[in-house]
Amino acid sequence: MSEQIICSGVSLGYEGNAVVQELEFTVSGGDYLCILGENGSGKSTLIKALLGLKSVMSGKIDWVGGLKPNEIGYLPQQTVVQRDFPATVKEIVLSGCLSKCGLRPFYSKEQKELAEKNMKQLGITELKKRCYRELSGGQQQRVLLARALCATSRLLLLDEPVTGLDPKAQTDFYELISKLNTEGITVIMVSHDVHAAVRYASHILHIGSSKQLFFGTKDDYLNSRAGKLFLAEGDETNE
């Protein structure tokens, strides 16, 4: 598949202080890239840079193959306030089309059909008239995913998407993302869950304290020093 993102020698930070330096990785169409790392390693800063919300200190992020930053379907971590948002499921899913509306103050027939299609695909059609705040955590994540799919059918960026979900809901959500990936959507997922990463991802980007520890295929990561250490730490945490 053709490359969609090329990150070359990228350093990111705030007020002249680098959080992470010399990031080197590529994302091609159909990849499932999982970004691993401890808190404070620069994962959130990288997300902002990929979304075009933050400038790089040095290096370059190239969007190739016709993909643009505003064509990313983004599913952020939810805050308590966002979980209590007083809107219907259908309204939230449709809001994913806002970037396509231009100056029109209403949604087109095609956009409404797209919202219906994505709700059906994610199994939430029967919830469309329900208030978002009344849903379970797993249902809310499906709604936000349907919203992201209304923004793009090419690339999804997911930031810790299973945080706060029970184990079954986590597994269901991971399986859903994997299915979308096999259907051709590129996935970039930020996670602390190394076991989910090595189960579902095709590629791993592991960021350590201020530097990149690994980028490559999942199989190579499993045989790398960084991968073996991080897997061992994850096993100790789960004991």
Protein backbone atom coordinates (compact mmCIF):
# COMPACT_ATOMS: atom_id res chain seq x y z
CA MET A 1 0.00 0.00 0.00
CA SER A 2 1.13 3.57 -0.62
CA GLU A 3 2.47 5.75 2.17
CA GLN A 4 0.09 8.22 3.82
CA ILE A 5 2.30 9.81 6.50
CA ILE A 6 6.08 10.23 6.59
CA CYS A 7 7.57 11.53 9.84
CA SER A 8 11.22 12.55 9.40
CA GLY A 9 13.45 13.63 12.29
CA VAL A 10 10.55 15.22 14.16
CA SER A 11 11.11 16.84 17.55
CA LEU A 12 8.16 18.11 19.56
CA GLY A 13 7.80 20.15 22.71
CA TYR A 14 6.66 23.34 24.37
CA GLU A 15 8.28 26.75 24.79
CA GLY A 16 11.51 25.52 23.27
CA ASN A 17 11.78 22.47 25.52
CA ALA A 18 11.66 19.17 23.64
CA VAL A 19 9.38 16.43 24.95
CA VAL A 20 10.44 13.90 22.32
CA GLN A 21 13.15 14.11 19.67
CA GLU A 22 14.04 12.59 16.29
CA LEU A 23 10.87 10.62 15.58
CA GLU A 24 11.21 8.57 12.40
CA PHE A 25 8.29 6.50 11.13
CA THR A 26 5.92 6.01 8.21
CA VAL A 27 2.27 5.02 7.96
CA SER A 28 0.97 3.34 4.81
CA GLY A 29 -2.58 2.73 3.70
CA GLY A 30 -4.08 -0.22 5.56
CA ASP A 31 -1.52 -0.17 8.39
CA TYR A 32 -2.53 -0.61 12.02
CA LEU A 33 0.07 1.40 13.95
CA CYS A 34 0.02 1.26 17.73
CA ILE A 35 1.89 4.00 19.59
CA LEU A 36 3.18 2.78 22.95
CA GLY A 37 4.88 4.61 25.78
CA GLU A 38 4.60 5.70 29.39
CA ASN A 39 2.78 8.84 30.50
CA GLY A 40 4.76 11.94 29.62
CA SER A 41 6.65 10.29 26.77
CA GLY A 42 5.14 12.59 24.15
CA LYS A 43 2.30 10.48 22.74
CA SER A 44 -0.32 13.20 23.24
CA THR A 45 1.99 15.82 21.77
CA LEU A 46 2.49 13.62 18.71
CA ILE A 47 -1.28 13.26 18.34
CA LYS A 48 -1.65 17.04 18.28
CA ALA A 49 1.06 17.29 15.64
CA LEU A 50 -0.61 14.62 13.46
CA LEU A 51 -3.91 16.49 13.75
CA GLY A 52 -2.23 19.72 12.65
CA LEU A 53 -2.87 21.33 16.04
CA LYS A 54 0.79 21.67 16.95
CA SER A 55 3.87 22.68 15.00
CA VAL A 56 7.03 20.61 15.06
CA MET A 57 10.19 22.07 16.60
CA SER A 58 12.32 20.43 13.93
CA GLY A 59 11.94 17.79 11.26
CA LYS A 60 8.88 17.33 9.09
CA ILE A 61 5.55 15.50 8.92
CA ASP A 62 4.59 14.90 5.28
CA TRP A 63 1.07 13.97 4.22
CA VAL A 64 1.29 12.02 0.98
CA GLY A 65 -1.06 10.11 -1.28
CA GLY A 66 -3.61 12.90 -1.16
CA LEU A 67 -4.30 12.54 2.58
CA LYS A 68 -4.67 15.72 4.64
CA PRO A 69 -4.70 16.29 8.43
CA ASN A 70 -8.39 17.32 8.31
CA GLU A 71 -9.24 13.95 6.76
CA ILE A 72 -8.42 12.05 9.94
CA GLY A 73 -11.29 10.53 11.90
CA TYR A 74 -10.29 11.32 15.49
CA LEU A 75 -11.55 9.58 18.62
CA PRO A 76 -10.10 11.39 21.67
CA GLN A 77 -10.07 10.35 25.29
CA GLN A 78 -13.36 11.32 26.89
CA THR A 79 -13.65 13.64 29.86
CA VAL A 80 -16.40 13.31 32.48
CA VAL A 81 -18.12 16.37 30.98
CA GLN A 82 -18.08 14.87 27.48
CA ARG A 83 -19.61 11.61 28.74
CA ASP A 84 -22.52 13.64 30.09
CA PHE A 85 -23.19 15.49 26.81
CA PRO A 86 -26.96 16.11 26.37
CA ALA A 87 -27.47 15.22 22.70
CA THR A 88 -28.97 12.29 20.83
CA VAL A 89 -26.81 9.59 19.32
CA LYS A 90 -27.85 10.63 15.82
CA GLU A 91 -26.90 14.26 16.46
CA ILE A 92 -23.45 13.30 17.69
CA VAL A 93 -22.77 10.92 14.78
CA LEU A 94 -23.92 13.53 12.25
CA SER A 95 -21.60 16.12 13.78
CA GLY A 96 -18.73 14.15 12.25
CA CYS A 97 -19.82 15.60 8.90
CA LEU A 98 -19.43 19.22 10.02
CA SER A 99 -16.07 19.68 8.29
CA LYS A 100 -17.73 18.74 5.00
CA CYS A 101 -20.64 21.18 5.31
CA GLY A 102 -18.68 24.26 4.30
CA LEU A 103 -20.95 27.31 4.52
CA ARG A 104 -24.14 25.25 4.44
CA PRO A 105 -26.05 25.46 7.77
CA PHE A 106 -27.54 21.98 7.35
CA TYR A 107 -26.58 18.41 6.53
CA SER A 108 -27.04 17.07 3.01
CA LYS A 109 -28.99 13.94 2.13
CA GLU A 110 -25.71 12.14 1.44
CA GLN A 111 -24.32 13.07 4.86
CA LYS A 112 -27.46 11.84 6.61
CA GLU A 113 -27.23 8.58 4.67
CA LEU A 114 -23.57 8.26 5.67
CA ALA A 115 -24.48 8.70 9.34
CA GLU A 116 -27.16 6.02 9.02
CA LYS A 117 -24.70 3.68 7.30
CA ASN A 118 -22.07 4.11 10.01
CA MET A 119 -24.58 3.63 12.83
CA LYS A 120 -25.76 0.42 11.18
CA GLN A 121 -22.19 -0.78 10.64
CA LEU A 122 -21.38 -0.29 14.32
CA GLY A 123 -24.64 -1.79 15.56
CA ILE A 124 -26.07 1.34 17.17
CA THR A 125 -29.00 2.14 14.86
CA GLU A 126 -31.52 1.28 17.56
CA LEU A 127 -29.82 3.82 19.85
CA LYS A 128 -30.02 6.79 17.47
CA LYS A 129 -32.84 8.56 19.35
CA ARG A 130 -31.35 7.87 22.77
CA CYS A 131 -29.56 10.55 24.76
CA TYR A 132 -25.80 10.02 24.64
CA ARG A 133 -25.39 10.54 28.39
CA GLU A 134 -27.68 7.54 29.07
CA LEU A 135 -25.46 5.04 27.26
CA SER A 136 -22.87 2.65 28.65
CA GLY A 137 -19.19 3.40 28.13
CA GLY A 138 -18.91 0.82 25.37
CA GLN A 139 -21.96 2.21 23.56
CA GLN A 140 -20.60 5.76 23.84
CA GLN A 141 -17.32 4.69 22.23
CA ARG A 142 -19.21 3.12 19.33
CA VAL A 143 -21.11 6.39 18.87
CA LEU A 144 -17.86 8.37 18.81
CA LEU A 145 -16.36 5.88 16.39
CA ALA A 146 -19.36 6.27 14.06
CA ARG A 147 -18.84 10.03 14.30
CA ALA A 148 -15.17 9.63 13.36
CA LEU A 149 -16.14 7.48 10.37
CA CYS A 150 -18.40 10.30 9.16
CA ALA A 151 -15.31 12.51 9.04
CA THR A 152 -13.23 10.07 6.98
CA SER A 153 -13.13 6.60 5.52
CA ARG A 154 -9.33 6.58 5.20
CA LEU A 155 -7.59 6.99 8.56
CA LEU A 156 -8.65 6.72 12.21
CA LEU A 157 -6.62 8.17 15.08
CA LEU A 158 -7.64 6.68 18.43
CA ASP A 159 -6.32 8.01 21.75
CA GLU A 160 -6.57 5.38 24.51
CA PRO A 161 -10.01 4.32 23.19
CA VAL A 162 -10.76 1.65 25.83
CA THR A 163 -9.94 3.70 28.93
CA GLY A 164 -12.67 3.17 31.53
CA LEU A 165 -14.34 0.29 29.71
CA ASP A 166 -14.91 -3.11 31.33
CA PRO A 167 -12.88 -6.05 29.94
CA LYS A 168 -15.65 -7.34 27.66
CA ALA A 169 -16.31 -3.87 26.23
CA GLN A 170 -12.57 -3.45 25.68
CA THR A 171 -12.34 -6.71 23.75
CA ASP A 172 -15.44 -5.89 21.70
CA PHE A 173 -14.04 -2.48 20.80
CA TYR A 174 -10.63 -3.85 19.82
CA GLU A 175 -12.33 -6.44 17.59
CA LEU A 176 -14.43 -3.71 15.98
CA ILE A 177 -11.35 -1.59 15.19
CA SER A 178 -9.58 -4.67 13.80
CA LYS A 179 -12.54 -5.36 11.51
CA LEU A 180 -12.51 -1.78 10.19
CA ASN A 181 -8.77 -2.12 9.56
CA THR A 182 -9.21 -5.34 7.57
CA GLU A 183 -11.78 -3.47 5.47
CA GLY A 184 -9.08 -0.99 4.42
CA ILE A 185 -9.12 1.83 6.99
CA THR A 186 -5.70 2.85 8.30
CA VAL A 187 -5.57 2.88 12.10
CA ILE A 188 -3.25 4.78 14.45
CA MET A 189 -3.97 3.92 18.07
CA VAL A 190 -2.31 5.32 21.17
CA SER A 191 -2.31 2.80 23.99
CA HIS A 192 -0.72 1.62 27.22
CA ASP A 193 -1.91 -1.93 26.50
CA VAL A 194 1.07 -3.68 24.96
CA HIS A 195 -0.77 -6.99 24.80
CA ALA A 196 -3.57 -5.51 22.68
CA ALA A 197 -0.92 -3.86 20.52
CA VAL A 198 0.89 -7.07 19.74
CA ARG A 199 -2.38 -8.88 19.12
CA TYR A 200 -3.97 -6.42 16.72
CA ALA A 201 -1.37 -4.01 15.32
CA SER A 202 0.71 -4.48 12.19
CA HIS A 203 3.33 -1.93 13.28
CA ILE A 204 4.57 -0.53 16.60
CA LEU A 205 5.99 2.90 17.46
CA HIS A 206 7.41 2.84 20.99
CA ILE A 207 8.36 6.20 22.50
CA GLY A 208 10.53 6.31 25.61
CA SER A 209 11.74 9.16 27.74
CA SER A 210 12.35 11.91 25.16
CA LYS A 211 13.31 9.52 22.35
CA GLN A 212 12.05 6.85 20.02
CA LEU A 213 12.80 3.33 21.22
CA PHE A 214 11.39 1.36 18.31
CA PHE A 215 9.54 1.55 15.03
CA GLY A 216 8.82 -1.43 12.83
CA THR A 217 6.58 -4.43 12.37
CA LYS A 218 4.89 -6.17 15.26
CA ASP A 219 6.97 -9.31 14.74
CA ASP A 220 10.23 -7.35 14.88
CA TYR A 221 9.01 -5.56 18.01
CA LEU A 222 8.36 -8.85 19.78
CA ASN A 223 12.01 -9.77 19.19
CA SER A 224 13.40 -6.36 20.13
CA ARG A 225 14.86 -5.37 23.49
CA ALA A 226 12.26 -2.61 23.90
CA GLY A 227 9.41 -5.02 23.16
CA LYS A 228 10.61 -7.75 25.52
CA LEU A 229 11.09 -5.26 28.38
CA PHE A 230 7.72 -3.55 27.86
CA LEU A 231 5.90 -6.90 27.66
CA ALA A 232 7.56 -8.04 30.87
CA GLU A 233 6.55 -4.82 32.62
CA GLY A 234 2.97 -5.27 31.40
CA ASP A 235 2.89 -8.82 32.77
CA GLU A 236 4.11 -7.60 36.16
CA THR A 237 1.44 -4.87 36.23
CA ASN A 238 -1.32 -7.40 35.53
CA GLU A 239 -0.21 -9.85 38.23
